[in-house]
Amino acid sequence: EKIISKGAYPSPINYSGFPKSICTSVNEVACHGIPDSRE
């Protein structure tokens, strides 16, 4: 929502099938983690 409000677009959405706006890599995930419902 914040990115859109600035007149920009989140690059990752649908990039090679990536389903989200950002990558969130938690703990042992090296990179490109997909945001999910885990708190």
PDB file of all heavy atoms in Angstrom:
ATOM      1  N   GLU A   1       0.826  -1.206   0.000  1.00  0.00           N
ATOM      2  CA  GLU A   1       0.000   0.000   0.000  1.00  0.00           C
ATOM      3  C   GLU A   1       0.863   1.260   0.000  1.00  0.00           C
ATOM      4  O   GLU A   1       0.558   2.232  -0.701  1.00  0.00           O
ATOM      5  CB  GLU A   1      -0.947   0.012   1.207  1.00  0.00           C
ATOM      6  CG  GLU A   1      -2.042  -1.027   1.128  1.00  0.00           C
ATOM      7  CD  GLU A   1      -2.977  -0.846  -0.065  1.00  0.00           C
ATOM      8  OE1 GLU A   1      -3.207   0.299  -0.502  1.00  0.00           O
ATOM      9  OE2 GLU A   1      -3.466  -1.873  -0.577  1.00  0.00           O
ATOM     10  N   LYS A   2       1.924   1.246   0.762  1.00  0.00           N
ATOM     11  CA  LYS A   2       2.814   2.411   0.854  1.00  0.00           C
ATOM     12  C   LYS A   2       3.522   2.653  -0.491  1.00  0.00           C
ATOM     13  O   LYS A   2       3.634   3.796  -0.934  1.00  0.00           O
ATOM     14  CB  LYS A   2       3.828   2.184   1.973  1.00  0.00           C
ATOM     15  CG  LYS A   2       4.631   3.385   2.342  1.00  0.00           C
ATOM     16  CD  LYS A   2       3.822   4.295   3.207  1.00  0.00           C
ATOM     17  CE  LYS A   2       4.740   5.057   4.130  1.00  0.00           C
ATOM     18  NZ  LYS A   2       3.999   6.008   4.929  1.00  0.00           N
ATOM     19  N   ILE A   3       3.995   1.582  -1.129  1.00  0.00           N
ATOM     20  CA  ILE A   3       4.668   1.718  -2.427  1.00  0.00           C
ATOM     21  C   ILE A   3       3.700   2.294  -3.457  1.00  0.00           C
ATOM     22  O   ILE A   3       4.035   3.233  -4.194  1.00  0.00           O
ATOM     23  CB  ILE A   3       5.238   0.365  -2.892  1.00  0.00           C
ATOM     24  CG1 ILE A   3       6.404  -0.062  -1.995  1.00  0.00           C
ATOM     25  CG2 ILE A   3       5.686   0.431  -4.359  1.00  0.00           C
ATOM     26  CD1 ILE A   3       6.861  -1.506  -2.206  1.00  0.00           C
ATOM     27  N   ILE A   4       2.490   1.755  -3.515  1.00  0.00           N
ATOM     28  CA  ILE A   4       1.479   2.232  -4.467  1.00  0.00           C
ATOM     29  C   ILE A   4       1.154   3.703  -4.208  1.00  0.00           C
ATOM     30  O   ILE A   4       0.992   4.497  -5.144  1.00  0.00           O
ATOM     31  CB  ILE A   4       0.202   1.353  -4.403  1.00  0.00           C
ATOM     32  CG1 ILE A   4       0.507  -0.081  -4.858  1.00  0.00           C
ATOM     33  CG2 ILE A   4      -0.932   1.969  -5.216  1.00  0.00           C
ATOM     34  CD1 ILE A   4       0.994  -0.227  -6.280  1.00  0.00           C
ATOM     35  N   SER A   5       1.066   4.085  -2.935  1.00  0.00           N
ATOM     36  CA  SER A   5       0.744   5.480  -2.594  1.00  0.00           C
ATOM     37  C   SER A   5       1.821   6.450  -3.067  1.00  0.00           C
ATOM     38  O   SER A   5       1.555   7.647  -3.204  1.00  0.00           O
ATOM     39  CB  SER A   5       0.520   5.633  -1.085  1.00  0.00           C
ATOM     40  OG  SER A   5       1.754   5.662  -0.386  1.00  0.00           O
ATOM     41  N   LYS A   6       3.013   5.948  -3.322  1.00  0.00           N
ATOM     42  CA  LYS A   6       4.123   6.780  -3.798  1.00  0.00           C
ATOM     43  C   LYS A   6       4.211   6.790  -5.326  1.00  0.00           C
ATOM     44  O   LYS A   6       5.177   7.292  -5.898  1.00  0.00           O
ATOM     45  CB  LYS A   6       5.447   6.270  -3.222  1.00  0.00           C
ATOM     46  CG  LYS A   6       5.512   6.296  -1.709  1.00  0.00           C
ATOM     47  CD  LYS A   6       5.634   7.706  -1.195  1.00  0.00           C
ATOM     48  CE  LYS A   6       5.825   7.698   0.317  1.00  0.00           C
ATOM     49  NZ  LYS A   6       6.144   9.010   0.840  1.00  0.00           N
ATOM     50  N   GLY A   7       3.217   6.196  -5.999  1.00  0.00           N
ATOM     51  CA  GLY A   7       3.209   6.201  -7.456  1.00  0.00           C
ATOM     52  C   GLY A   7       4.166   5.210  -8.076  1.00  0.00           C
ATOM     53  O   GLY A   7       4.568   5.356  -9.232  1.00  0.00           O
ATOM     54  N   ALA A   8       4.520   4.190  -7.321  1.00  0.00           N
ATOM     55  CA  ALA A   8       5.442   3.161  -7.805  1.00  0.00           C
ATOM     56  C   ALA A   8       4.741   1.806  -7.776  1.00  0.00           C
ATOM     57  O   ALA A   8       3.589   1.696  -7.349  1.00  0.00           O
ATOM     58  CB  ALA A   8       6.707   3.125  -6.939  1.00  0.00           C
ATOM     59  N   TYR A   9       5.446   0.775  -8.231  1.00  0.00           N
ATOM     60  CA  TYR A   9       4.911  -0.583  -8.264  1.00  0.00           C
ATOM     61  C   TYR A   9       5.941  -1.522  -7.657  1.00  0.00           C
ATOM     62  O   TYR A   9       7.137  -1.382  -7.940  1.00  0.00           O
ATOM     63  CB  TYR A   9       4.618  -0.987  -9.717  1.00  0.00           C
ATOM     64  CG  TYR A   9       3.914  -2.318  -9.824  1.00  0.00           C
ATOM     65  CD1 TYR A   9       2.548  -2.414  -9.593  1.00  0.00           C
ATOM     66  CD2 TYR A   9       4.612  -3.471 -10.144  1.00  0.00           C
ATOM     67  CE1 TYR A   9       1.896  -3.631  -9.674  1.00  0.00           C
ATOM     68  CE2 TYR A   9       3.968  -4.697 -10.229  1.00  0.00           C
ATOM     69  CZ  TYR A   9       2.610  -4.766  -9.993  1.00  0.00           C
ATOM     70  OH  TYR A   9       1.979  -5.979 -10.069  1.00  0.00           O
ATOM     71  N   PRO A  10       5.532  -2.485  -6.823  1.00  0.00           N
ATOM     72  CA  PRO A  10       6.476  -3.448  -6.247  1.00  0.00           C
ATOM     73  C   PRO A  10       6.997  -4.394  -7.341  1.00  0.00           C
ATOM     74  O   PRO A  10       6.236  -5.171  -7.904  1.00  0.00           O
ATOM     75  CB  PRO A  10       5.654  -4.204  -5.210  1.00  0.00           C
ATOM     76  CG  PRO A  10       4.364  -3.464  -5.068  1.00  0.00           C
ATOM     77  CD  PRO A  10       4.172  -2.675  -6.308  1.00  0.00           C
ATOM     78  N   SER A  11       8.269  -4.325  -7.624  1.00  0.00           N
ATOM     79  CA  SER A  11       8.866  -5.113  -8.711  1.00  0.00           C
ATOM     80  C   SER A  11       8.674  -6.623  -8.589  1.00  0.00           C
ATOM     81  O   SER A  11       8.515  -7.297  -9.606  1.00  0.00           O
ATOM     82  CB  SER A  11      10.363  -4.810  -8.818  1.00  0.00           C
ATOM     83  OG  SER A  11      10.596  -3.439  -9.016  1.00  0.00           O
ATOM     84  N   PRO A  12       8.700  -7.211  -7.384  1.00  0.00           N
ATOM     85  CA  PRO A  12       8.628  -8.676  -7.312  1.00  0.00           C
ATOM     86  C   PRO A  12       7.298  -9.303  -7.717  1.00  0.00           C
ATOM     87  O   PRO A  12       7.271 -10.470  -8.102  1.00  0.00           O
ATOM     88  CB  PRO A  12       8.900  -8.976  -5.833  1.00  0.00           C
ATOM     89  CG  PRO A  12       9.613  -7.784  -5.316  1.00  0.00           C
ATOM     90  CD  PRO A  12       9.053  -6.625  -6.087  1.00  0.00           C
ATOM     91  N   ILE A  13       6.186  -8.566  -7.636  1.00  0.00           N
ATOM     92  CA  ILE A  13       4.889  -9.185  -7.909  1.00  0.00           C
ATOM     93  C   ILE A  13       4.886  -9.804  -9.307  1.00  0.00           C
ATOM     94  O   ILE A  13       5.132  -9.128 -10.297  1.00  0.00           O
ATOM     95  CB  ILE A  13       3.735  -8.174  -7.779  1.00  0.00           C
ATOM     96  CG1 ILE A  13       3.556  -7.761  -6.327  1.00  0.00           C
ATOM     97  CG2 ILE A  13       2.431  -8.771  -8.305  1.00  0.00           C
ATOM     98  CD1 ILE A  13       2.435  -6.768  -6.113  1.00  0.00           C
ATOM     99  N   ASN A  14       4.629 -11.112  -9.338  1.00  0.00           N
ATOM    100  CA  ASN A  14       4.582 -11.905 -10.575  1.00  0.00           C
ATOM    101  C   ASN A  14       5.910 -12.013 -11.315  1.00  0.00           C
ATOM    102  O   ASN A  14       5.945 -12.504 -12.440  1.00  0.00           O
ATOM    103  CB  ASN A  14       3.485 -11.400 -11.520  1.00  0.00           C
ATOM    104  CG  ASN A  14       2.119 -11.589 -10.910  1.00  0.00           C
ATOM    105  OD1 ASN A  14       1.857 -12.600 -10.259  1.00  0.00           O
ATOM    106  ND2 ASN A  14       1.256 -10.616 -11.082  1.00  0.00           N
ATOM    107  N   TYR A  15       7.002 -11.571 -10.703  1.00  0.00           N
ATOM    108  CA  TYR A  15       8.316 -11.739 -11.318  1.00  0.00           C
ATOM    109  C   TYR A  15       8.704 -13.216 -11.212  1.00  0.00           C
ATOM    110  O   TYR A  15       8.854 -13.732 -10.098  1.00  0.00           O
ATOM    111  CB  TYR A  15       9.360 -10.847 -10.635  1.00  0.00           C
ATOM    112  CG  TYR A  15      10.725 -10.954 -11.255  1.00  0.00           C
ATOM    113  CD1 TYR A  15      11.053 -10.199 -12.379  1.00  0.00           C
ATOM    114  CD2 TYR A  15      11.684 -11.819 -10.744  1.00  0.00           C
ATOM    115  CE1 TYR A  15      12.294 -10.296 -12.960  1.00  0.00           C
ATOM    116  CE2 TYR A  15      12.930 -11.918 -11.318  1.00  0.00           C
ATOM    117  CZ  TYR A  15      13.229 -11.163 -12.431  1.00  0.00           C
ATOM    118  OH  TYR A  15      14.468 -11.258 -13.013  1.00  0.00           O
ATOM    119  N   SER A  16       8.779 -13.898 -12.313  1.00  0.00           N
ATOM    120  CA  SER A  16       9.059 -15.342 -12.339  1.00  0.00           C
ATOM    121  C   SER A  16       8.102 -16.108 -11.420  1.00  0.00           C
ATOM    122  O   SER A  16       8.498 -17.065 -10.764  1.00  0.00           O
ATOM    123  CB  SER A  16      10.515 -15.627 -11.958  1.00  0.00           C
ATOM    124  OG  SER A  16      11.394 -15.075 -12.906  1.00  0.00           O
ATOM    125  N   GLY A  17       6.857 -15.639 -11.333  1.00  0.00           N
ATOM    126  CA  GLY A  17       5.846 -16.316 -10.532  1.00  0.00           C
ATOM    127  C   GLY A  17       5.845 -15.948  -9.059  1.00  0.00           C
ATOM    128  O   GLY A  17       5.058 -16.512  -8.287  1.00  0.00           O
ATOM    129  N   PHE A  18       6.684 -15.002  -8.626  1.00  0.00           N
ATOM    130  CA  PHE A  18       6.717 -14.617  -7.210  1.00  0.00           C
ATOM    131  C   PHE A  18       5.394 -13.951  -6.846  1.00  0.00           C
ATOM    132  O   PHE A  18       4.962 -13.010  -7.514  1.00  0.00           O
ATOM    133  CB  PHE A  18       7.893 -13.674  -6.928  1.00  0.00           C
ATOM    134  CG  PHE A  18       8.173 -13.483  -5.471  1.00  0.00           C
ATOM    135  CD1 PHE A  18       8.923 -14.410  -4.768  1.00  0.00           C
ATOM    136  CD2 PHE A  18       7.667 -12.385  -4.790  1.00  0.00           C
ATOM    137  CE1 PHE A  18       9.190 -14.243  -3.408  1.00  0.00           C
ATOM    138  CE2 PHE A  18       7.913 -12.210  -3.439  1.00  0.00           C
ATOM    139  CZ  PHE A  18       8.677 -13.140  -2.747  1.00  0.00           C
ATOM    140  N   PRO A  19       4.729 -14.406  -5.767  1.00  0.00           N
ATOM    141  CA  PRO A  19       3.352 -13.958  -5.506  1.00  0.00           C
ATOM    142  C   PRO A  19       3.195 -12.708  -4.632  1.00  0.00           C
ATOM    143  O   PRO A  19       2.074 -12.277  -4.404  1.00  0.00           O
ATOM    144  CB  PRO A  19       2.752 -15.167  -4.780  1.00  0.00           C
ATOM    145  CG  PRO A  19       3.906 -15.734  -4.019  1.00  0.00           C
ATOM    146  CD  PRO A  19       5.103 -15.538  -4.928  1.00  0.00           C
ATOM    147  N   LYS A  20       4.266 -12.142  -4.132  1.00  0.00           N
ATOM    148  CA  LYS A  20       4.136 -11.060  -3.152  1.00  0.00           C
ATOM    149  C   LYS A  20       4.874  -9.796  -3.588  1.00  0.00           C
ATOM    150  O   LYS A  20       5.569  -9.772  -4.592  1.00  0.00           O
ATOM    151  CB  LYS A  20       4.666 -11.527  -1.783  1.00  0.00           C
ATOM    152  CG  LYS A  20       3.919 -12.723  -1.207  1.00  0.00           C
ATOM    153  CD  LYS A  20       2.513 -12.357  -0.782  1.00  0.00           C
ATOM    154  CE  LYS A  20       1.797 -13.562  -0.192  1.00  0.00           C
ATOM    155  NZ  LYS A  20       0.658 -13.189   0.594  1.00  0.00           N
ATOM    156  N   SER A  21       4.761  -8.744  -2.761  1.00  0.00           N
ATOM    157  CA  SER A  21       5.345  -7.436  -3.058  1.00  0.00           C
ATOM    158  C   SER A  21       6.786  -7.297  -2.596  1.00  0.00           C
ATOM    159  O   SER A  21       7.536  -6.490  -3.134  1.00  0.00           O
ATOM    160  CB  SER A  21       4.541  -6.339  -2.359  1.00  0.00           C
ATOM    161  OG  SER A  21       3.215  -6.389  -2.757  1.00  0.00           O
ATOM    162  N   ILE A  22       7.127  -8.014  -1.543  1.00  0.00           N
ATOM    163  CA  ILE A  22       8.469  -7.954  -0.959  1.00  0.00           C
ATOM    164  C   ILE A  22       8.925  -9.380  -0.660  1.00  0.00           C
ATOM    165  O   ILE A  22       8.104 -10.304  -0.651  1.00  0.00           O
ATOM    166  CB  ILE A  22       8.503  -7.103   0.340  1.00  0.00           C
ATOM    167  CG1 ILE A  22       7.614  -7.715   1.432  1.00  0.00           C
ATOM    168  CG2 ILE A  22       8.119  -5.658   0.045  1.00  0.00           C
ATOM    169  CD1 ILE A  22       7.711  -7.016   2.784  1.00  0.00           C
ATOM    170  N   CYS A  23      10.202  -9.532  -0.399  1.00  0.00           N
ATOM    171  CA  CYS A  23      10.732 -10.815   0.082  1.00  0.00           C
ATOM    172  C   CYS A  23      10.979 -10.673   1.580  1.00  0.00           C
ATOM    173  O   CYS A  23      11.505  -9.648   2.032  1.00  0.00           O
ATOM    174  CB  CYS A  23      12.048 -11.163  -0.609  1.00  0.00           C
ATOM    175  SG  CYS A  23      11.939 -11.329  -2.398  1.00  0.00           S
ATOM    176  N   THR A  24      10.594 -11.694   2.340  1.00  0.00           N
ATOM    177  CA  THR A  24      10.837 -11.709   3.785  1.00  0.00           C
ATOM    178  C   THR A  24      11.471 -13.050   4.136  1.00  0.00           C
ATOM    179  O   THR A  24      10.805 -14.082   4.093  1.00  0.00           O
ATOM    180  CB  THR A  24       9.530 -11.506   4.581  1.00  0.00           C
ATOM    181  OG1 THR A  24       8.582 -12.491   4.184  1.00  0.00           O
ATOM    182  CG2 THR A  24       8.956 -10.119   4.351  1.00  0.00           C
ATOM    183  N   SER A  25      12.732 -13.015   4.443  1.00  0.00           N
ATOM    184  CA  SER A  25      13.472 -14.238   4.754  1.00  0.00           C
ATOM    185  C   SER A  25      13.711 -14.281   6.255  1.00  0.00           C
ATOM    186  O   SER A  25      14.415 -13.423   6.798  1.00  0.00           O
ATOM    187  CB  SER A  25      14.789 -14.251   3.983  1.00  0.00           C
ATOM    188  OG  SER A  25      14.526 -14.110   2.600  1.00  0.00           O
ATOM    189  N   VAL A  26      13.108 -15.263   6.908  1.00  0.00           N
ATOM    190  CA  VAL A  26      13.151 -15.347   8.367  1.00  0.00           C
ATOM    191  C   VAL A  26      14.130 -16.433   8.794  1.00  0.00           C
ATOM    192  O   VAL A  26      14.090 -17.561   8.292  1.00  0.00           O
ATOM    193  CB  VAL A  26      11.748 -15.631   8.940  1.00  0.00           C
ATOM    194  CG1 VAL A  26      11.784 -15.702  10.462  1.00  0.00           C
ATOM    195  CG2 VAL A  26      10.759 -14.561   8.475  1.00  0.00           C
ATOM    196  N   ASN A  27      15.010 -16.057   9.715  1.00  0.00           N
ATOM    197  CA  ASN A  27      15.991 -16.947  10.334  1.00  0.00           C
ATOM    198  C   ASN A  27      16.858 -17.660   9.306  1.00  0.00           C
ATOM    199  O   ASN A  27      17.674 -17.013   8.652  1.00  0.00           O
ATOM    200  CB  ASN A  27      15.304 -17.900  11.309  1.00  0.00           C
ATOM    201  CG  ASN A  27      14.680 -17.149  12.475  1.00  0.00           C
ATOM    202  OD1 ASN A  27      15.202 -16.122  12.915  1.00  0.00           O
ATOM    203  ND2 ASN A  27      13.553 -17.621  12.963  1.00  0.00           N
ATOM    204  N   GLU A  28      16.693 -18.972   9.119  1.00  0.00           N
ATOM    205  CA  GLU A  28      17.614 -19.746   8.273  1.00  0.00           C
ATOM    206  C   GLU A  28      17.360 -19.599   6.776  1.00  0.00           C
ATOM    207  O   GLU A  28      18.117 -20.113   5.961  1.00  0.00           O
ATOM    208  CB  GLU A  28      17.586 -21.234   8.651  1.00  0.00           C
ATOM    209  CG  GLU A  28      16.332 -21.970   8.257  1.00  0.00           C
ATOM    210  CD  GLU A  28      15.135 -21.752   9.168  1.00  0.00           C
ATOM    211  OE1 GLU A  28      15.284 -21.148  10.264  1.00  0.00           O
ATOM    212  OE2 GLU A  28      14.026 -22.169   8.791  1.00  0.00           O
ATOM    213  N   VAL A  29      16.321 -18.893   6.358  1.00  0.00           N
ATOM    214  CA  VAL A  29      16.042 -18.706   4.935  1.00  0.00           C
ATOM    215  C   VAL A  29      17.059 -17.704   4.388  1.00  0.00           C
ATOM    216  O   VAL A  29      17.149 -16.565   4.867  1.00  0.00           O
ATOM    217  CB  VAL A  29      14.602 -18.207   4.699  1.00  0.00           C
ATOM    218  CG1 VAL A  29      14.345 -17.970   3.221  1.00  0.00           C
ATOM    219  CG2 VAL A  29      13.608 -19.210   5.277  1.00  0.00           C
ATOM    220  N   ALA A  30      17.853 -18.127   3.391  1.00  0.00           N
ATOM    221  CA  ALA A  30      18.955 -17.302   2.895  1.00  0.00           C
ATOM    222  C   ALA A  30      18.469 -16.051   2.169  1.00  0.00           C
ATOM    223  O   ALA A  30      18.996 -14.962   2.380  1.00  0.00           O
ATOM    224  CB  ALA A  30      19.858 -18.120   1.981  1.00  0.00           C
ATOM    225  N   CYS A  31      17.482 -16.180   1.283  1.00  0.00           N
ATOM    226  CA  CYS A  31      16.960 -15.022   0.563  1.00  0.00           C
ATOM    227  C   CYS A  31      15.698 -15.406  -0.195  1.00  0.00           C
ATOM    228  O   CYS A  31      15.379 -16.580  -0.336  1.00  0.00           O
ATOM    229  CB  CYS A  31      17.996 -14.426  -0.390  1.00  0.00           C
ATOM    230  SG  CYS A  31      18.481 -15.469  -1.759  1.00  0.00           S
ATOM    231  N   HIS A  32      14.974 -14.387  -0.659  1.00  0.00           N
ATOM    232  CA  HIS A  32      13.766 -14.542  -1.482  1.00  0.00           C
ATOM    233  C   HIS A  32      12.639 -15.302  -0.787  1.00  0.00           C
ATOM    234  O   HIS A  32      11.836 -15.964  -1.440  1.00  0.00           O
ATOM    235  CB  HIS A  32      14.104 -15.180  -2.833  1.00  0.00           C
ATOM    236  CG  HIS A  32      15.143 -14.423  -3.579  1.00  0.00           C
ATOM    237  ND1 HIS A  32      16.163 -15.040  -4.265  1.00  0.00           N
ATOM    238  CD2 HIS A  32      15.353 -13.091  -3.738  1.00  0.00           C
ATOM    239  CE1 HIS A  32      16.943 -14.134  -4.814  1.00  0.00           C
ATOM    240  NE2 HIS A  32      16.475 -12.940  -4.501  1.00  0.00           N
ATOM    241  N   GLY A  33      12.567 -15.181   0.544  1.00  0.00           N
ATOM    242  CA  GLY A  33      11.466 -15.802   1.280  1.00  0.00           C
ATOM    243  C   GLY A  33      10.139 -15.165   0.916  1.00  0.00           C
ATOM    244  O   GLY A  33      10.055 -13.958   0.661  1.00  0.00           O
ATOM    245  N   ILE A  34       9.098 -15.973   0.874  1.00  0.00           N
ATOM    246  CA  ILE A  34       7.762 -15.499   0.506  1.00  0.00           C
ATOM    247  C   ILE A  34       6.980 -15.174   1.784  1.00  0.00           C
ATOM    248  O   ILE A  34       6.844 -16.025   2.667  1.00  0.00           O
ATOM    249  CB  ILE A  34       7.014 -16.569  -0.313  1.00  0.00           C
ATOM    250  CG1 ILE A  34       7.795 -16.890  -1.590  1.00  0.00           C
ATOM    251  CG2 ILE A  34       5.600 -16.101  -0.636  1.00  0.00           C
ATOM    252  CD1 ILE A  34       7.253 -18.075  -2.373  1.00  0.00           C
ATOM    253  N   PRO A  35       6.474 -13.942   1.901  1.00  0.00           N
ATOM    254  CA  PRO A  35       5.672 -13.602   3.080  1.00  0.00           C
ATOM    255  C   PRO A  35       4.513 -14.580   3.280  1.00  0.00           C
ATOM    256  O   PRO A  35       3.916 -15.052   2.308  1.00  0.00           O
ATOM    257  CB  PRO A  35       5.155 -12.195   2.750  1.00  0.00           C
ATOM    258  CG  PRO A  35       6.190 -11.627   1.828  1.00  0.00           C
ATOM    259  CD  PRO A  35       6.623 -12.805   0.990  1.00  0.00           C
ATOM    260  N   ASP A  36       4.218 -14.869   4.556  1.00  0.00           N
ATOM    261  CA  ASP A  36       3.137 -15.801   4.868  1.00  0.00           C
ATOM    262  C   ASP A  36       2.462 -15.406   6.171  1.00  0.00           C
ATOM    263  O   ASP A  36       2.774 -14.367   6.750  1.00  0.00           O
ATOM    264  CB  ASP A  36       3.652 -17.240   4.890  1.00  0.00           C
ATOM    265  CG  ASP A  36       4.717 -17.498   5.946  1.00  0.00           C
ATOM    266  OD1 ASP A  36       4.782 -16.754   6.954  1.00  0.00           O
ATOM    267  OD2 ASP A  36       5.497 -18.440   5.780  1.00  0.00           O
ATOM    268  N   SER A  37       1.571 -16.252   6.646  1.00  0.00           N
ATOM    269  CA  SER A  37       0.746 -15.927   7.814  1.00  0.00           C
ATOM    270  C   SER A  37       1.430 -16.220   9.151  1.00  0.00           C
ATOM    271  O   SER A  37       0.884 -15.863  10.197  1.00  0.00           O
ATOM    272  CB  SER A  37      -0.573 -16.691   7.739  1.00  0.00           C
ATOM    273  OG  SER A  37      -0.316 -18.091   7.742  1.00  0.00           O
ATOM    274  N   ARG A  38       2.617 -16.829   9.140  1.00  0.00           N
ATOM    275  CA  ARG A  38       3.317 -17.119  10.396  1.00  0.00           C
ATOM    276  C   ARG A  38       3.678 -15.812  11.097  1.00  0.00           C
ATOM    277  O   ARG A  38       4.260 -14.917  10.499  1.00  0.00           O
ATOM    278  CB  ARG A  38       4.594 -17.907  10.116  1.00  0.00           C
ATOM    279  CG  ARG A  38       5.461 -18.149  11.336  1.00  0.00           C
ATOM    280  CD  ARG A  38       6.850 -18.651  10.878  1.00  0.00           C
ATOM    281  NE  ARG A  38       7.795 -18.745  11.936  1.00  0.00           N
ATOM    282  CZ  ARG A  38       8.580 -17.748  12.360  1.00  0.00           C
ATOM    283  NH1 ARG A  38       8.493 -16.553  11.824  1.00  0.00           N
ATOM    284  NH2 ARG A  38       9.449 -17.939  13.326  1.00  0.00           N
ATOM    285  N   GLU A  39       3.308 -15.710  12.361  1.00  0.00           N
ATOM    286  CA  GLU A  39       3.645 -14.509  13.124  1.00  0.00           C
ATOM    287  C   GLU A  39       5.097 -14.565  13.571  1.00  0.00           C
ATOM    288  O   GLU A  39       5.604 -15.631  13.953  1.00  0.00           O
ATOM    289  CB  GLU A  39       2.718 -14.375  14.337  1.00  0.00           C
ATOM    290  CG  GLU A  39       1.288 -14.081  13.946  1.00  0.00           C
ATOM    291  CD  GLU A  39       0.371 -13.899  15.143  1.00  0.00           C
ATOM    292  OE1 GLU A  39       0.790 -14.146  16.297  1.00  0.00           O
ATOM    293  OE2 GLU A  39      -0.788 -13.514  14.911  1.00  0.00           O
TER     294      GLU A  39
END
